[in-house]
Amino acid sequence: MPYRLRPRKSFTAEIRSVAESQLSHAIHLLEEQPDGPHKAVHEARKRFKRVRALYRLIQLDAKDFRARENARIRDMAQTLSAVRDATALVETVDYLASYAGSREEFAALSVASKALTERRDRIASEEHDLPARMSAAADACHEATAALGELNLDDGPHKTAKRLAKVWKKQRLQALSALAGCEEHADSEVFHELRKSGQIYWMHLSLLRDIWPSAMRAKQAEAKLLVELLGHEHDLSVLTGLVDENPNLFGAGDTLALILGAIITRQQTLRIEALDKAHEVFADGADNEADLIAVLWKRASAIPRKKRKPIKAAKPQFEPDEEQALIG
């Protein structure tokens, strides 16, 4: 099933179907590993994020369910993070190299890429229990799927619209708070919070795209650009932390200085671009947008009227000769 909620269907059934589809895909990836274990882990973790974003939409009416299942999926994802995080650092340095400002900087980043690739391979070789952890994660997905049977929500259009509006407003306010924090101080944690808000917003736009397809697609595209910018920014923050903790990993002092200089320069650019994009993405007021979501959901979930039979054209009341005379 696509990652979307259909307004004219039972809301509870739609939540179950979307979650089950994402969990089923994750199980397939973890058990079959069509492109290898590390790619499988990466793709499965994407599905976990989508399920967690989905469950945010029901947090007001299913608090216990959402808290328990969110924790289950979060903890499951964390058990699979080591090699993926190490791979992400290699990708980050390669991304950074594409913006190198000089030959010396590019050479320093090449040294960093080699060092991080060796580190990733070392971590991967030491992960002897990865198959067992992937199997355990697949089992947890089966348990999460079974738990969906206990979910029971009020499916009335008015109640659902009200529920969605409240959650939408809460998420938007969190995004605006993170955005204000980013403008007050350049702290990596606050930028990470803005990134998470952007990811949730992007996924919620996808889930509700049927209520106004053209507008939702446009907003989703803008949100995706924001998430990509903040994703690179976050990766650079993680890379900075590793450089600070393990400077010897990256060679001589001059090489280290060039690497840090490249990180700082690119990260500053990304933050400026991300803040500009965030103001575009979150331009509409939280209250207004939440109210609009409620109105659109109720309108989209309304049962369409039966199509009326077309009215047959009346037979002419005059003979063909008389019609020709009228025409002239």
Protein backbone atom coordinates (compact mmCIF):
# COMPACT_ATOMS: atom_id res chain seq x y z
CA MET A 1 0.00 0.00 0.00
CA PRO A 2 1.32 3.50 -0.81
CA TYR A 3 2.39 5.74 2.07
CA ARG A 4 -0.87 7.69 2.24
CA LEU A 5 -4.15 7.81 4.13
CA ARG A 6 -7.33 7.72 2.05
CA PRO A 7 -9.94 10.08 3.58
CA ARG A 8 -13.00 8.09 2.45
CA LYS A 9 -11.81 4.90 4.14
CA SER A 10 -11.92 3.93 7.81
CA PHE A 11 -9.17 5.93 9.54
CA THR A 12 -8.27 3.04 11.85
CA ALA A 13 -8.07 0.64 8.93
CA GLU A 14 -5.91 3.07 6.97
CA ILE A 15 -3.46 3.52 9.85
CA ARG A 16 -3.21 -0.25 10.19
CA SER A 17 -2.75 -0.79 6.45
CA VAL A 18 -0.03 1.84 6.03
CA ALA A 19 1.88 0.64 9.11
CA GLU A 20 1.56 -3.02 8.08
CA SER A 21 2.78 -2.21 4.57
CA GLN A 22 5.88 -0.41 5.85
CA LEU A 23 6.66 -3.11 8.43
CA SER A 24 6.14 -5.85 5.84
CA HIS A 25 8.59 -4.13 3.50
CA ALA A 26 11.12 -3.85 6.34
CA ILE A 27 10.73 -7.57 7.14
CA HIS A 28 11.36 -8.44 3.49
CA LEU A 29 14.50 -6.31 3.43
CA LEU A 30 15.86 -7.71 6.69
CA GLU A 31 15.14 -11.34 5.82
CA GLU A 32 15.87 -11.41 2.09
CA GLN A 33 18.59 -8.69 1.89
CA PRO A 34 18.19 -8.28 -1.91
CA ASP A 35 21.09 -5.79 -2.19
CA GLY A 36 23.19 -6.98 0.73
CA PRO A 37 22.83 -6.57 4.50
CA HIS A 38 24.01 -2.96 4.82
CA LYS A 39 21.70 -1.66 2.10
CA ALA A 40 18.89 -3.67 3.68
CA VAL A 41 19.51 -2.05 7.05
CA HIS A 42 19.57 1.42 5.50
CA GLU A 43 16.28 0.91 3.66
CA ALA A 44 14.60 -0.79 6.62
CA ARG A 45 15.45 2.15 8.87
CA LYS A 46 13.68 4.45 6.41
CA ARG A 47 10.53 2.34 6.85
CA PHE A 48 10.87 2.58 10.63
CA LYS A 49 10.96 6.38 10.43
CA ARG A 50 7.80 6.38 8.33
CA VAL A 51 5.93 4.21 10.82
CA ARG A 52 6.99 6.42 13.72
CA ALA A 53 5.82 9.53 11.83
CA LEU A 54 2.51 7.78 11.09
CA TYR A 55 1.98 7.01 14.78
CA ARG A 56 2.40 10.67 15.67
CA LEU A 57 -0.96 11.27 13.99
CA ILE A 58 -2.72 9.13 16.61
CA GLN A 59 -0.76 10.15 19.70
CA LEU A 60 -3.70 12.11 21.17
CA ASP A 61 -6.19 9.21 21.04
CA ALA A 62 -3.89 6.22 21.41
CA LYS A 63 -1.22 7.44 23.82
CA ASP A 64 -0.28 4.07 25.30
CA PHE A 65 -0.19 2.34 21.92
CA ARG A 66 1.85 5.09 20.33
CA ALA A 67 4.33 5.32 23.24
CA ARG A 68 4.90 1.57 23.34
CA GLU A 69 5.16 1.01 19.59
CA ASN A 70 7.27 4.11 19.03
CA ALA A 71 9.74 2.84 21.65
CA ARG A 72 9.74 -0.63 20.10
CA ILE A 73 10.58 0.68 16.63
CA ARG A 74 13.07 3.28 17.88
CA ASP A 75 15.02 0.73 19.92
CA MET A 76 14.93 -1.74 17.03
CA ALA A 77 16.42 0.85 14.66
CA GLN A 78 19.21 1.70 17.11
CA THR A 79 20.42 -1.91 17.19
CA LEU A 80 21.12 -1.67 13.45
CA SER A 81 22.88 1.69 13.33
CA ALA A 82 26.63 1.03 13.66
CA VAL A 83 27.71 0.20 10.10
CA ARG A 84 25.15 2.53 8.53
CA ASP A 85 26.43 5.46 10.60
CA ALA A 86 30.01 4.61 9.62
CA THR A 87 28.99 4.44 5.94
CA ALA A 88 27.24 7.80 6.22
CA LEU A 89 30.51 9.41 7.34
CA VAL A 90 32.29 8.13 4.22
CA GLU A 91 29.47 9.53 2.07
CA THR A 92 29.71 12.85 3.92
CA VAL A 93 33.42 13.28 3.19
CA ASP A 94 32.86 12.38 -0.47
CA TYR A 95 30.06 14.96 -0.59
CA LEU A 96 32.36 17.52 1.00
CA ALA A 97 35.08 16.77 -1.56
CA SER A 98 32.72 17.85 -4.35
CA TYR A 99 32.87 21.36 -2.85
CA ALA A 100 36.64 21.45 -2.27
CA GLY A 101 38.06 24.92 -2.71
CA SER A 102 41.60 23.89 -3.65
CA ARG A 103 43.74 20.93 -4.65
CA GLU A 104 45.20 20.80 -1.17
CA GLU A 105 41.75 20.65 0.39
CA PHE A 106 40.63 17.93 -2.02
CA ALA A 107 43.76 15.91 -1.21
CA ALA A 108 43.10 16.25 2.52
CA LEU A 109 39.51 15.09 2.06
CA SER A 110 40.75 12.13 0.02
CA VAL A 111 42.91 11.15 3.00
CA ALA A 112 39.83 11.45 5.23
CA SER A 113 37.75 9.33 2.85
CA LYS A 114 40.35 6.56 2.85
CA ALA A 115 40.61 6.63 6.64
CA LEU A 116 36.82 6.53 7.11
CA THR A 117 36.40 3.76 4.55
CA GLU A 118 38.93 1.64 6.43
CA ARG A 119 37.11 2.46 9.68
CA ARG A 120 33.76 1.42 8.18
CA ASP A 121 35.20 -1.86 6.88
CA ARG A 122 36.75 -2.55 10.27
CA ILE A 123 33.44 -1.96 12.04
CA ALA A 124 31.65 -4.15 9.50
CA SER A 125 34.17 -6.99 9.94
CA GLU A 126 33.69 -6.86 13.69
CA GLU A 127 29.90 -6.99 13.43
CA HIS A 128 29.68 -10.77 13.64
CA ASP A 129 26.28 -10.54 15.28
CA LEU A 130 24.67 -8.42 12.53
CA PRO A 131 22.70 -11.38 11.09
CA ALA A 132 21.32 -12.13 14.55
CA ARG A 133 20.38 -8.48 15.11
CA MET A 134 18.69 -8.27 11.71
CA SER A 135 16.74 -11.43 12.53
CA ALA A 136 15.72 -9.97 15.90
CA ALA A 137 14.62 -6.76 14.17
CA ALA A 138 12.48 -8.75 11.74
CA ASP A 139 10.88 -10.55 14.70
CA ALA A 140 10.18 -7.17 16.32
CA CYS A 141 8.51 -6.05 13.09
CA HIS A 142 6.25 -9.10 13.22
CA GLU A 143 5.35 -8.21 16.83
CA ALA A 144 4.65 -4.60 15.84
CA THR A 145 2.39 -5.83 13.05
CA ALA A 146 0.45 -8.07 15.44
CA ALA A 147 0.02 -5.16 17.86
CA LEU A 148 -1.90 -3.23 15.21
CA GLY A 149 -4.89 -5.47 15.90
CA GLU A 150 -5.53 -3.69 19.20
CA LEU A 151 -5.69 -0.23 17.63
CA ASN A 152 -9.22 1.15 17.65
CA LEU A 153 -9.95 4.82 16.94
CA ASP A 154 -13.03 6.96 16.46
CA ASP A 155 -13.33 6.99 12.67
CA GLY A 156 -15.87 9.80 12.40
CA PRO A 157 -14.78 12.45 9.86
CA HIS A 158 -15.23 15.31 12.34
CA LYS A 159 -13.30 13.52 15.09
CA THR A 160 -10.53 12.52 12.68
CA ALA A 161 -10.25 16.04 11.27
CA LYS A 162 -10.01 17.47 14.78
CA ARG A 163 -7.35 14.88 15.71
CA LEU A 164 -5.26 15.66 12.64
CA ALA A 165 -5.52 19.41 13.15
CA LYS A 166 -4.27 19.19 16.74
CA VAL A 167 -1.30 17.02 15.80
CA TRP A 168 -0.53 19.20 12.77
CA LYS A 169 -0.51 22.34 14.91
CA LYS A 170 1.71 20.72 17.54
CA GLN A 171 4.26 19.61 14.94
CA ARG A 172 4.25 23.00 13.23
CA LEU A 173 4.84 24.81 16.53
CA GLN A 174 7.76 22.50 17.28
CA ALA A 175 9.21 23.29 13.87
CA LEU A 176 8.85 27.03 14.43
CA SER A 177 10.45 26.70 17.87
CA ALA A 178 13.40 24.85 16.35
CA LEU A 179 13.68 27.46 13.60
CA ALA A 180 13.76 30.27 16.17
CA GLY A 181 16.42 28.36 18.11
CA CYS A 182 18.57 28.01 15.00
CA GLU A 183 18.45 31.75 14.44
CA GLU A 184 19.32 32.53 18.05
CA HIS A 185 22.40 30.32 18.29
CA ALA A 186 24.27 28.05 15.89
CA ASP A 187 23.92 24.88 17.92
CA SER A 188 24.07 21.56 16.10
CA GLU A 189 21.37 20.02 18.31
CA VAL A 190 18.86 22.74 17.43
CA PHE A 191 19.55 22.32 13.72
CA HIS A 192 19.04 18.59 14.23
CA GLU A 193 15.65 19.30 15.80
CA LEU A 194 14.71 21.43 12.80
CA ARG A 195 15.76 18.57 10.55
CA LYS A 196 13.56 16.10 12.43
CA SER A 197 10.64 18.52 12.22
CA GLY A 198 11.21 18.85 8.48
CA GLN A 199 11.28 15.05 8.07
CA ILE A 200 8.03 14.62 9.99
CA TYR A 201 6.40 17.42 8.01
CA TRP A 202 7.49 15.83 4.72
CA MET A 203 6.08 12.46 5.76
CA HIS A 204 2.81 13.91 7.03
CA LEU A 205 2.36 15.80 3.77
CA SER A 206 2.80 12.49 1.97
CA LEU A 207 0.29 10.74 4.21
CA LEU A 208 -2.39 13.41 3.67
CA ARG A 209 -1.68 14.23 0.04
CA ASP A 210 -5.09 12.99 -1.12
CA ILE A 211 -6.90 15.88 0.55
CA TRP A 212 -5.31 18.39 -1.85
CA PRO A 213 -2.90 16.56 -4.19
CA SER A 214 -1.40 19.49 -6.13
CA ALA A 215 -0.72 21.67 -3.08
CA MET A 216 0.57 18.79 -0.98
CA ARG A 217 2.98 17.67 -3.71
CA ALA A 218 4.35 21.21 -4.03
CA LYS A 219 4.80 21.58 -0.26
CA GLN A 220 6.32 18.12 -0.05
CA ALA A 221 8.93 18.99 -2.68
CA GLU A 222 9.94 22.10 -0.73
CA ALA A 223 10.09 20.17 2.54
CA LYS A 224 12.27 17.51 0.92
CA LEU A 225 14.78 20.16 -0.18
CA LEU A 226 14.90 21.47 3.38
CA VAL A 227 15.45 17.96 4.78
CA GLU A 228 18.28 17.33 2.32
CA LEU A 229 20.05 20.56 3.29
CA LEU A 230 19.67 19.83 6.99
CA GLY A 231 20.69 16.21 6.44
CA HIS A 232 24.05 17.31 5.03
CA GLU A 233 24.39 19.84 7.85
CA HIS A 234 23.78 17.14 10.46
CA ASP A 235 26.23 14.74 8.81
CA LEU A 236 28.91 17.43 8.96
CA SER A 237 28.19 17.95 12.68
CA VAL A 238 28.65 14.22 13.27
CA LEU A 239 31.87 14.29 11.24
CA THR A 240 33.16 17.22 13.31
CA GLY A 241 32.51 15.22 16.48
CA LEU A 242 34.50 12.27 15.15
CA VAL A 243 37.40 14.52 14.09
CA ASP A 244 37.48 16.11 17.55
CA GLU A 245 37.43 12.72 19.29
CA ASN A 246 39.88 10.95 16.94
CA PRO A 247 42.19 13.54 15.34
CA ASN A 248 44.92 10.93 14.79
CA LEU A 249 42.63 9.12 12.39
CA PHE A 250 43.11 11.89 9.83
CA GLY A 251 46.88 12.26 9.67
CA ALA A 252 49.13 15.29 10.07
CA GLY A 253 48.15 18.66 11.50
CA ASP A 254 48.00 20.44 8.14
CA THR A 255 45.65 17.79 6.74
CA LEU A 256 43.45 18.02 9.80
CA ALA A 257 43.27 21.82 9.51
CA LEU A 258 42.21 21.59 5.86
CA ILE A 259 39.51 19.03 6.70
CA LEU A 260 38.10 21.15 9.52
CA GLY A 261 38.21 24.26 7.31
CA ALA A 262 36.23 22.47 4.60
CA ILE A 263 33.65 21.29 7.12
CA ILE A 264 33.14 24.74 8.64
CA THR A 265 32.87 26.51 5.29
CA ARG A 266 30.31 24.09 3.87
CA GLN A 267 28.34 23.85 7.09
CA GLN A 268 27.94 27.63 7.32
CA THR A 269 26.66 27.75 3.74
CA LEU A 270 24.23 24.92 4.40
CA ARG A 271 22.86 26.60 7.50
CA ILE A 272 22.17 29.85 5.66
CA GLU A 273 20.46 28.02 2.80
CA ALA A 274 18.48 25.81 5.20
CA LEU A 275 17.19 28.75 7.25
CA ASP A 276 16.03 30.53 4.10
CA LYS A 277 14.29 27.37 2.91
CA ALA A 278 12.75 26.73 6.33
CA HIS A 279 11.12 30.17 6.28
CA GLU A 280 9.55 29.25 2.94
CA VAL A 281 8.42 25.80 4.06
CA PHE A 282 6.93 27.01 7.35
CA ALA A 283 5.64 30.36 6.08
CA ASP A 284 1.98 29.62 6.80
CA GLY A 285 0.85 30.09 10.39
CA ALA A 286 0.48 26.94 12.49
CA ASP A 287 -3.13 27.72 13.42
CA ASN A 288 -4.19 28.56 9.87
CA GLU A 289 -2.56 25.48 8.37
CA ALA A 290 -4.01 23.17 11.03
CA ASP A 291 -7.50 24.60 10.46
CA LEU A 292 -7.08 24.11 6.72
CA ILE A 293 -6.05 20.47 7.23
CA ALA A 294 -9.25 19.87 9.22
CA VAL A 295 -11.45 21.50 6.58
CA LEU A 296 -9.77 19.65 3.72
CA TRP A 297 -9.99 16.30 5.50
CA LYS A 298 -13.71 16.70 6.21
CA ARG A 299 -14.39 17.75 2.65
CA ALA A 300 -12.32 14.89 1.18
CA SER A 301 -13.89 12.30 3.47
CA ALA A 302 -17.46 13.31 2.62
CA ILE A 303 -19.41 10.71 0.69
CA PRO A 304 -19.79 11.97 -2.87
CA ARG A 305 -23.27 12.56 -4.17
CA LYS A 306 -24.63 10.10 -6.65
CA LYS A 307 -24.16 11.26 -10.16
CA ARG A 308 -27.39 12.38 -11.71
CA LYS A 309 -28.47 10.80 -14.93
CA PRO A 310 -27.87 13.11 -17.87
CA ILE A 311 -31.00 14.86 -19.11
CA LYS A 312 -31.96 13.68 -22.54
CA ALA A 313 -32.30 16.36 -25.16
CA ALA A 314 -35.93 17.14 -25.96
CA LYS A 315 -37.20 16.15 -29.33
CA PRO A 316 -37.74 19.10 -31.68
CA GLN A 317 -41.34 20.29 -31.73
CA PHE A 318 -41.27 21.06 -35.41
CA GLU A 319 -40.55 19.32 -38.65
CA PRO A 320 -37.19 19.53 -40.45
CA ASP A 321 -38.59 21.97 -42.99
CA GLU A 322 -39.75 24.30 -40.23
CA GLU A 323 -36.30 24.07 -38.55
CA GLN A 324 -34.61 25.08 -41.78
CA ALA A 325 -36.97 28.01 -42.12
CA LEU A 326 -36.10 29.24 -38.60
CA ILE A 327 -32.43 29.04 -39.37
CA GLY A 328 -33.10 31.23 -42.35
